[in-house]
């Protein structure tokens, strides 16, 4: 039910029309607040739609104690946020919008096949309209002015100062600039003394200085059912060889470990296990069957189903003289070193680490230096792997911040 503008209900401004901001706007409106969403782009939900490219996993079906650990490297508080708005709550929310969901074989949660990201967003915006949420697109937040917010209408260039009862900033991180997520908001917060951690790429590709021969011969090819190791961390999945290096879920999941290793001085070494389902003894047993005169490429293809581009990769990053004994070859196939020279640029990253330092917010995600202003989503210094955790983190922090706002405006 829409709330009349003159109802006396508290007015809340939400700056940023991404998942965190829109969910907070919905929760606030459902609780009786008048809500205005300011979005600098021509439409809202742009990064939400981009997240749906190549498979739109909304969240993950893991138990809470496992789910929360995906964020625990940086922020153990995520258990609290996930308890407040859980993966089950997110699925219920989607179903209330008429969008069914299902759990895939990987544990990831997707909308049913007939539902696309754009359909979910349309249903969501219709719900917000029913609640009376005002969406002001092409309205850019410029910073603070006294107790108010400076807002510029990008269509007219006119600037105004608005003074809501409370504000939620949900301006995103610094990846996928085309969606409006450029991190430029850090200047306005730094101007009032808010400490921010420099943005760093997360869930991104890794650069390997392949030879010209390797790039020409291999190009872009997958390596399926592999394991990738950085330090003590091991991740299974599918790896994609590219002209610049490596892509794929295992690489993305190891981004934090790679950043740490690269900080000590490049290159950082990833160890590739091409046959993680075989024990060392099983692998050696297969390798000893190689007959004299049989080429290594033919033998690996027949005995281990390691066809192209594996032989070329072995010669690219393996020792000058490839091992001839079964134990030595088995070790190389399970510990193939991939020298990573760096990570792909920030704008190519799926997400970012960095943002507002956690000591700058209280337990309600309100800025300590600016009472009444709350933050949510990728503005905060957290990161998580792909697989539903990124969107869930944005939704959960948005819901938690909305809870804090409601407590403040109804005191």
Protein backbone atom coordinates (compact mmCIF):
# COMPACT_ATOMS: atom_id res chain seq x y z
CA UNK A 1 0.00 0.00 0.00
CA UNK A 2 1.35 3.42 -0.95
CA UNK A 3 2.14 5.90 1.81
CA UNK A 4 0.93 9.47 1.13
CA UNK A 5 3.77 12.04 1.01
CA UNK A 6 2.12 14.09 3.75
CA UNK A 7 1.48 11.11 6.03
CA UNK A 8 4.16 12.07 8.53
CA UNK A 9 5.93 8.75 8.00
CA UNK A 10 9.72 9.04 8.26
CA UNK A 11 11.43 9.74 4.96
CA UNK A 12 14.51 7.69 4.08
CA UNK A 13 16.85 8.28 1.14
CA UNK A 14 18.56 5.29 -0.48
CA UNK A 15 21.51 6.24 -2.67
CA UNK A 16 22.24 3.49 -5.16
CA UNK A 17 19.83 1.26 -7.05
CA UNK A 18 21.63 -2.06 -6.82
CA UNK A 19 20.60 -5.21 -4.91
CA UNK A 20 21.53 -3.87 -1.45
CA UNK A 21 19.81 -0.53 -1.96
CA UNK A 22 16.64 -1.87 -3.57
CA UNK A 23 16.12 -4.57 -0.94
CA UNK A 24 16.63 -2.05 1.84
CA UNK A 25 14.14 0.25 0.12
CA UNK A 26 11.59 -2.57 -0.02
CA UNK A 27 12.02 -3.47 3.66
CA UNK A 28 11.78 0.17 4.72
CA UNK A 29 8.66 0.81 2.63
CA UNK A 30 7.01 -2.35 3.92
CA UNK A 31 7.69 -1.09 7.45
CA UNK A 32 5.87 2.18 6.74
CA UNK A 33 8.64 4.55 5.68
CA UNK A 34 8.52 6.90 2.72
CA UNK A 35 11.49 5.95 0.55
CA UNK A 36 13.27 7.66 -2.33
CA UNK A 37 15.96 5.83 -4.28
CA UNK A 38 18.53 8.02 -6.04
CA UNK A 39 20.43 6.33 -8.87
CA UNK A 40 23.04 8.06 -11.04
CA UNK A 41 22.46 5.77 -14.04
CA UNK A 42 19.48 5.85 -16.38
CA UNK A 43 18.12 2.61 -14.91
CA UNK A 44 18.43 0.73 -11.63
CA UNK A 45 19.70 -2.79 -11.14
CA UNK A 46 22.38 -2.70 -13.83
CA UNK A 47 24.94 -4.76 -11.94
CA UNK A 48 22.16 -7.11 -10.85
CA UNK A 49 21.46 -7.81 -14.53
CA UNK A 50 25.16 -8.19 -15.39
CA UNK A 51 25.47 -10.73 -12.56
CA UNK A 52 22.99 -12.88 -14.46
CA UNK A 53 25.20 -13.30 -17.51
CA UNK A 54 26.38 -16.87 -17.88
CA UNK A 55 24.20 -18.26 -15.10
CA UNK A 56 22.16 -16.33 -12.58
CA UNK A 57 22.86 -17.89 -9.20
CA UNK A 58 21.02 -15.87 -6.55
CA UNK A 59 22.45 -17.58 -3.51
CA UNK A 60 23.71 -20.94 -2.25
CA UNK A 61 22.07 -23.80 -0.35
CA UNK A 62 24.96 -24.39 2.06
CA UNK A 63 24.20 -24.56 5.79
CA UNK A 64 24.64 -21.27 7.62
CA UNK A 65 27.82 -22.30 9.44
CA UNK A 66 29.49 -23.16 6.12
CA UNK A 67 27.96 -20.23 4.24
CA UNK A 68 29.15 -17.68 6.80
CA UNK A 69 32.71 -18.97 6.56
CA UNK A 70 32.84 -17.77 2.96
CA UNK A 71 33.10 -14.26 4.40
CA UNK A 72 34.94 -15.09 7.62
CA UNK A 73 38.43 -14.38 6.26
CA UNK A 74 37.62 -10.70 6.56
CA UNK A 75 34.36 -10.32 8.49
CA UNK A 76 32.97 -12.83 10.99
CA UNK A 77 29.98 -10.47 11.46
CA UNK A 78 28.46 -11.97 8.32
CA UNK A 79 26.91 -14.71 10.43
CA UNK A 80 24.68 -12.04 11.96
CA UNK A 81 23.71 -10.60 8.58
CA UNK A 82 22.99 -14.03 7.12
CA UNK A 83 20.86 -14.98 10.10
CA UNK A 84 18.81 -11.82 9.63
CA UNK A 85 18.30 -12.34 5.88
CA UNK A 86 19.30 -15.86 4.93
CA UNK A 87 19.49 -17.80 1.69
CA UNK A 88 16.08 -19.25 2.54
CA UNK A 89 14.73 -15.74 3.05
CA UNK A 90 16.09 -14.71 -0.33
CA UNK A 91 14.35 -17.64 -2.02
CA UNK A 92 11.10 -16.77 -0.25
CA UNK A 93 11.50 -13.15 -1.37
CA UNK A 94 11.90 -14.25 -5.00
CA UNK A 95 8.91 -16.56 -4.78
CA UNK A 96 6.79 -13.72 -3.41
CA UNK A 97 7.69 -11.83 -6.57
CA UNK A 98 6.47 -14.79 -8.62
CA UNK A 99 9.95 -16.11 -9.39
CA UNK A 100 10.52 -19.76 -8.55
CA UNK A 101 13.97 -21.07 -7.64
CA UNK A 102 15.78 -24.40 -7.58
CA UNK A 103 19.02 -25.81 -6.19
CA UNK A 104 21.52 -26.91 -8.83
CA UNK A 105 23.86 -29.88 -8.52
CA UNK A 106 26.61 -27.53 -7.27
CA UNK A 107 24.41 -26.29 -4.44
CA UNK A 108 23.91 -22.94 -6.13
CA UNK A 109 20.39 -21.51 -6.23
CA UNK A 110 18.99 -20.32 -9.55
CA UNK A 111 15.67 -18.92 -10.78
CA UNK A 112 13.70 -21.59 -12.64
CA UNK A 113 14.52 -21.92 -16.33
CA UNK A 114 11.64 -19.78 -17.50
CA UNK A 115 12.73 -16.82 -15.39
CA UNK A 116 15.52 -14.49 -16.47
CA UNK A 117 17.23 -11.72 -14.46
CA UNK A 118 15.29 -9.03 -16.30
CA UNK A 119 11.98 -10.70 -15.36
CA UNK A 120 12.94 -10.80 -11.70
CA UNK A 121 13.99 -7.15 -11.79
CA UNK A 122 10.73 -6.11 -13.48
CA UNK A 123 8.69 -7.95 -10.85
CA UNK A 124 10.79 -6.35 -8.12
CA UNK A 125 10.34 -2.84 -9.50
CA UNK A 126 6.60 -3.40 -9.79
CA UNK A 127 6.56 -4.38 -6.12
CA UNK A 128 8.49 -1.24 -5.17
CA UNK A 129 6.08 0.88 -7.18
CA UNK A 130 3.14 -0.70 -5.35
CA UNK A 131 4.82 0.21 -2.07
CA UNK A 132 5.20 3.82 -3.17
CA UNK A 133 8.99 3.81 -3.43
CA UNK A 134 10.10 6.76 -5.57
CA UNK A 135 12.85 5.90 -8.04
CA UNK A 136 14.82 8.93 -9.20
CA UNK A 137 17.22 7.79 -11.90
CA UNK A 138 19.95 10.02 -13.29
CA UNK A 139 20.23 11.66 -9.88
CA UNK A 140 23.81 11.60 -8.62
CA UNK A 141 24.90 11.94 -4.99
CA UNK A 142 27.71 14.51 -4.76
CA UNK A 143 28.42 14.33 -1.05
CA UNK A 144 27.21 16.01 2.11
CA UNK A 145 26.04 19.58 2.67
CA UNK A 146 25.66 20.30 6.37
CA UNK A 147 23.07 17.81 7.60
CA UNK A 148 21.83 17.11 4.08
CA UNK A 149 22.78 15.30 0.90
CA UNK A 150 23.84 17.05 -2.31
CA UNK A 151 21.95 15.57 -5.26
CA UNK A 152 22.43 16.57 -8.89
CA UNK A 153 19.81 15.93 -11.55
CA UNK A 154 21.98 14.71 -14.42
CA UNK A 155 19.31 15.59 -16.98
CA UNK A 156 19.14 19.27 -16.03
CA UNK A 157 22.35 19.81 -14.09
CA UNK A 158 20.35 21.26 -11.20
CA UNK A 159 21.68 20.61 -7.70
CA UNK A 160 19.52 20.32 -4.61
CA UNK A 161 20.11 19.52 -0.95
CA UNK A 162 17.77 16.97 0.63
CA UNK A 163 17.45 16.23 4.33
CA UNK A 164 15.97 12.77 4.95
CA UNK A 165 15.44 11.33 8.42
CA UNK A 166 18.04 8.69 7.55
CA UNK A 167 20.13 7.70 4.55
CA UNK A 168 21.42 4.43 3.17
CA UNK A 169 24.44 4.57 0.89
CA UNK A 170 24.64 1.51 -1.36
CA UNK A 171 26.94 2.66 -4.14
CA UNK A 172 28.78 -0.55 -4.90
CA UNK A 173 32.46 -1.33 -5.27
CA UNK A 174 34.73 -0.46 -8.18
CA UNK A 175 34.32 -3.20 -10.79
CA UNK A 176 32.22 -3.15 -13.96
CA UNK A 177 32.35 0.64 -14.32
CA UNK A 178 29.81 0.49 -17.15
CA UNK A 179 27.17 -0.36 -14.55
CA UNK A 180 27.99 2.79 -12.57
CA UNK A 181 30.04 0.97 -9.94
CA UNK A 182 33.21 3.06 -10.16
CA UNK A 183 34.15 3.69 -6.52
CA UNK A 184 34.19 7.48 -7.01
CA UNK A 185 32.13 7.91 -3.84
CA UNK A 186 35.26 7.34 -1.74
CA UNK A 187 36.25 11.01 -2.17
CA UNK A 188 33.05 12.26 -0.51
CA UNK A 189 33.50 9.95 2.48
CA UNK A 190 37.21 10.62 2.83
CA UNK A 191 36.34 14.33 2.92
CA UNK A 192 34.53 13.79 6.24
CA UNK A 193 37.31 11.61 7.62
CA UNK A 194 35.97 8.14 6.80
CA UNK A 195 38.82 5.68 6.29
CA UNK A 196 38.62 3.56 3.16
CA UNK A 197 40.69 0.57 2.13
CA UNK A 198 41.98 0.81 -1.47
CA UNK A 199 39.96 -1.25 -3.90
CA UNK A 200 41.54 -4.44 -5.20
CA UNK A 201 40.28 -6.90 -7.83
CA UNK A 202 38.51 -9.99 -6.54
CA UNK A 203 37.12 -12.96 -8.47
CA UNK A 204 39.21 -12.10 -11.48
CA UNK A 205 41.55 -13.67 -14.01
CA UNK A 206 45.26 -14.23 -13.41
CA UNK A 207 48.00 -13.23 -15.82
CA UNK A 208 50.60 -15.73 -17.01
CA UNK A 209 53.30 -14.68 -19.47
CA UNK A 210 52.71 -17.41 -22.04
CA UNK A 211 55.09 -17.68 -24.95
CA UNK A 212 53.90 -16.48 -28.35
CA UNK A 213 53.91 -20.12 -29.50
CA UNK A 214 51.65 -21.19 -26.64
CA UNK A 215 49.18 -18.35 -27.23
CA UNK A 216 48.96 -19.18 -30.92
CA UNK A 217 48.70 -22.94 -30.50
CA UNK A 218 46.40 -23.11 -27.46
CA UNK A 219 44.40 -19.89 -27.58
CA UNK A 220 41.38 -20.25 -25.30
CA UNK A 221 40.77 -23.80 -24.09
CA UNK A 222 39.30 -25.40 -20.94
CA UNK A 223 40.88 -27.86 -18.54
CA UNK A 224 38.05 -29.75 -16.88
CA UNK A 225 37.93 -31.49 -13.52
CA UNK A 226 41.19 -30.08 -12.17
CA UNK A 227 42.39 -28.85 -8.79
CA UNK A 228 44.27 -25.62 -8.30
CA UNK A 229 46.40 -24.81 -5.26
CA UNK A 230 47.80 -21.57 -3.86
CA UNK A 231 49.69 -22.02 -0.62
CA UNK A 232 47.60 -24.35 1.52
CA UNK A 233 44.31 -23.64 -0.31
CA UNK A 234 43.02 -26.10 -2.90
CA UNK A 235 39.97 -25.51 -5.13
CA UNK A 236 38.40 -27.94 -7.61
CA UNK A 237 36.64 -26.97 -10.81
CA UNK A 238 37.21 -26.04 -14.44
CA UNK A 239 40.12 -23.88 -15.54
CA UNK A 240 40.13 -21.79 -18.72
CA UNK A 241 43.42 -21.10 -20.48
CA UNK A 242 43.32 -17.69 -22.18
CA UNK A 243 45.70 -15.58 -24.20
CA UNK A 244 46.55 -13.55 -21.09
CA UNK A 245 46.61 -16.37 -18.54
CA UNK A 246 43.88 -18.11 -16.55
CA UNK A 247 40.18 -17.76 -15.80
CA UNK A 248 37.59 -19.89 -14.04
CA UNK A 249 36.02 -20.54 -10.67
CA UNK A 250 39.17 -22.03 -9.07
CA UNK A 251 41.19 -18.95 -10.04
CA UNK A 252 38.49 -16.60 -8.77
CA UNK A 253 38.26 -18.43 -5.45
CA UNK A 254 42.02 -18.16 -4.99
CA UNK A 255 42.19 -14.42 -5.74
CA UNK A 256 42.74 -13.39 -2.07
CA UNK A 257 45.57 -15.90 -1.69
CA UNK A 258 47.07 -14.80 -5.01
CA UNK A 259 46.96 -11.13 -3.98
CA UNK A 260 48.81 -12.00 -0.79
CA UNK A 261 51.41 -14.06 -2.63
CA UNK A 262 51.92 -11.37 -5.27
CA UNK A 263 52.41 -8.74 -2.55
CA UNK A 264 55.51 -10.66 -1.47
CA UNK A 265 56.83 -10.34 -5.01
CA UNK A 266 55.75 -11.84 -8.33
CA UNK A 267 55.43 -14.36 -9.68
CA UNK A 268 53.01 -16.22 -7.45
CA UNK A 269 52.88 -19.94 -8.15
CA UNK A 270 49.66 -21.86 -8.66
CA UNK A 271 50.01 -25.64 -8.60
CA UNK A 272 47.79 -27.43 -11.09
CA UNK A 273 46.63 -31.00 -10.47
CA UNK A 274 45.39 -32.41 -13.75
CA UNK A 275 44.09 -35.68 -12.22
CA UNK A 276 42.75 -34.88 -8.73
CA UNK A 277 40.48 -37.94 -8.66
CA UNK A 278 43.43 -40.35 -8.77
CA UNK A 279 45.71 -41.17 -5.87
CA UNK A 280 49.46 -41.00 -6.45
CA UNK A 281 49.64 -44.80 -6.54
CA UNK A 282 46.78 -45.06 -9.06
CA UNK A 283 48.36 -42.44 -11.30
CA UNK A 284 51.76 -44.14 -11.22
CA UNK A 285 50.14 -47.47 -12.02
CA UNK A 286 48.67 -45.98 -15.20
CA UNK A 287 51.88 -44.22 -16.17
CA UNK A 288 54.10 -47.31 -15.94
CA UNK A 289 52.10 -48.84 -18.80
CA UNK A 290 53.64 -46.48 -21.33
CA UNK A 291 55.35 -48.46 -24.07
CA UNK A 292 58.67 -47.54 -25.59
CA UNK A 293 58.27 -45.39 -28.68
CA UNK A 294 54.84 -44.12 -27.66
CA UNK A 295 54.76 -40.33 -27.74
CA UNK A 296 53.90 -38.60 -24.50
CA UNK A 297 51.01 -36.73 -26.09
CA UNK A 298 49.43 -39.93 -27.44
CA UNK A 299 49.97 -41.81 -24.20
CA UNK A 300 48.45 -39.08 -21.99
CA UNK A 301 45.45 -38.88 -24.27
CA UNK A 302 44.84 -42.63 -24.27
CA UNK A 303 45.74 -43.53 -20.68
CA UNK A 304 44.57 -40.45 -18.78
CA UNK A 305 42.21 -38.66 -21.19
CA UNK A 306 44.57 -35.70 -21.09
CA UNK A 307 44.35 -34.52 -24.67
CA UNK A 308 45.22 -31.10 -26.05
CA UNK A 309 46.22 -28.67 -24.65
CA UNK A 310 47.90 -30.70 -21.85
CA UNK A 311 51.08 -31.74 -23.71
CA UNK A 312 51.66 -28.15 -24.87
CA UNK A 313 51.05 -26.88 -21.35
CA UNK A 314 53.55 -29.36 -19.91
CA UNK A 315 56.22 -28.14 -22.30
CA UNK A 316 55.34 -24.50 -21.62
CA UNK A 317 55.65 -24.52 -17.84
CA UNK A 318 57.31 -27.85 -17.06
CA UNK A 319 61.07 -28.49 -16.84
CA UNK A 320 63.19 -28.26 -20.02
CA UNK A 321 63.42 -32.03 -20.06
CA UNK A 322 60.10 -33.66 -19.18
CA UNK A 323 60.33 -36.60 -16.72
CA UNK A 324 60.63 -40.07 -18.10
CA UNK A 325 59.94 -42.13 -14.97
CA UNK A 326 56.37 -42.75 -13.85
CA UNK A 327 56.79 -41.30 -10.31
CA UNK A 328 58.39 -38.10 -11.62
CA UNK A 329 55.77 -37.67 -14.33
CA UNK A 330 52.98 -38.34 -11.84
CA UNK A 331 54.35 -35.61 -9.60
CA UNK A 332 54.50 -33.12 -12.49
CA UNK A 333 50.93 -33.91 -13.57
CA UNK A 334 49.70 -33.20 -10.05
CA UNK A 335 52.01 -30.27 -9.20
CA UNK A 336 52.33 -28.39 -12.48
CA UNK A 337 53.58 -24.88 -11.62
CA UNK A 338 51.75 -21.95 -13.20
CA UNK A 339 53.67 -18.69 -12.64
CA UNK A 340 51.18 -15.86 -12.10
CA UNK A 341 52.64 -12.44 -12.86
CA UNK A 342 49.62 -10.44 -11.73
CA UNK A 343 45.83 -10.10 -11.61
CA UNK A 344 43.58 -8.65 -14.27
CA UNK A 345 42.57 -4.97 -14.01
CA UNK A 346 40.01 -3.83 -11.46
CA UNK A 347 37.30 -3.06 -14.01
CA UNK A 348 37.43 -6.64 -15.36
CA UNK A 349 36.96 -8.16 -11.91
CA UNK A 350 33.62 -9.70 -10.99
CA UNK A 351 33.82 -8.01 -7.58
CA UNK A 352 36.20 -6.01 -5.43
CA UNK A 353 37.86 -6.15 -2.06
CA UNK A 354 38.36 -2.87 -0.23
CA UNK A 355 35.97 -0.07 0.58
CA UNK A 356 34.84 1.46 3.86
CA UNK A 357 36.98 0.19 6.72
CA UNK A 358 34.92 -1.76 9.26
CA UNK A 359 35.90 0.34 12.30
CA UNK A 360 34.08 3.25 10.59
CA UNK A 361 30.64 1.62 11.07
CA UNK A 362 28.79 0.51 14.19
CA UNK A 363 26.92 -2.75 14.70
CA UNK A 364 23.97 -1.38 12.67
CA UNK A 365 26.24 -0.45 9.71
CA UNK A 366 25.86 3.25 10.49
CA UNK A 367 28.81 5.56 9.90
CA UNK A 368 30.29 6.60 13.22
CA UNK A 369 31.34 9.93 11.73
CA UNK A 370 27.93 10.61 10.21
CA UNK A 371 25.02 9.54 12.46
CA UNK A 372 21.93 8.69 10.47
CA UNK A 373 23.91 7.54 7.41
CA UNK A 374 24.14 3.79 6.91
CA UNK A 375 26.05 1.76 4.31
CA UNK A 376 25.55 -1.66 2.71
CA UNK A 377 26.74 -3.89 -0.09
CA UNK A 378 30.11 -3.72 -1.79
CA UNK A 379 30.89 -0.29 -0.33
CA UNK A 380 32.10 -2.18 2.73
CA UNK A 381 35.46 -3.94 2.82
CA UNK A 382 34.45 -7.56 2.29
CA UNK A 383 34.75 -10.15 -0.42
CA UNK A 384 33.40 -13.59 -1.16
CA UNK A 385 33.74 -16.17 -3.94
CA UNK A 386 31.29 -16.57 -6.77
CA UNK A 387 28.54 -19.13 -6.34
CA UNK A 388 25.75 -16.99 -4.89
CA UNK A 389 27.76 -15.52 -2.02
CA UNK A 390 28.27 -12.09 -3.58
CA UNK A 391 24.60 -11.37 -4.20
CA UNK A 392 23.61 -12.86 -0.85
CA UNK A 393 26.16 -10.62 0.88
CA UNK A 394 24.66 -7.54 -0.77
CA UNK A 395 21.09 -8.57 0.05
CA UNK A 396 21.91 -9.48 3.64
CA UNK A 397 23.83 -6.28 4.43
CA UNK A 398 21.05 -4.25 2.79
CA UNK A 399 18.44 -5.94 4.95
CA UNK A 400 20.56 -5.49 8.07
CA UNK A 401 21.13 -1.79 7.39
CA UNK A 402 17.39 -1.32 6.81
CA UNK A 403 16.79 -2.87 10.24
CA UNK A 404 19.18 -0.35 11.79
CA UNK A 405 17.50 2.53 9.98
CA UNK A 406 14.07 1.46 11.19
CA UNK A 407 15.30 1.35 14.77
CA UNK A 408 16.70 4.86 14.40
CA UNK A 409 13.73 6.56 12.72
CA UNK A 410 11.15 4.96 15.03
CA UNK A 411 12.92 5.73 18.32
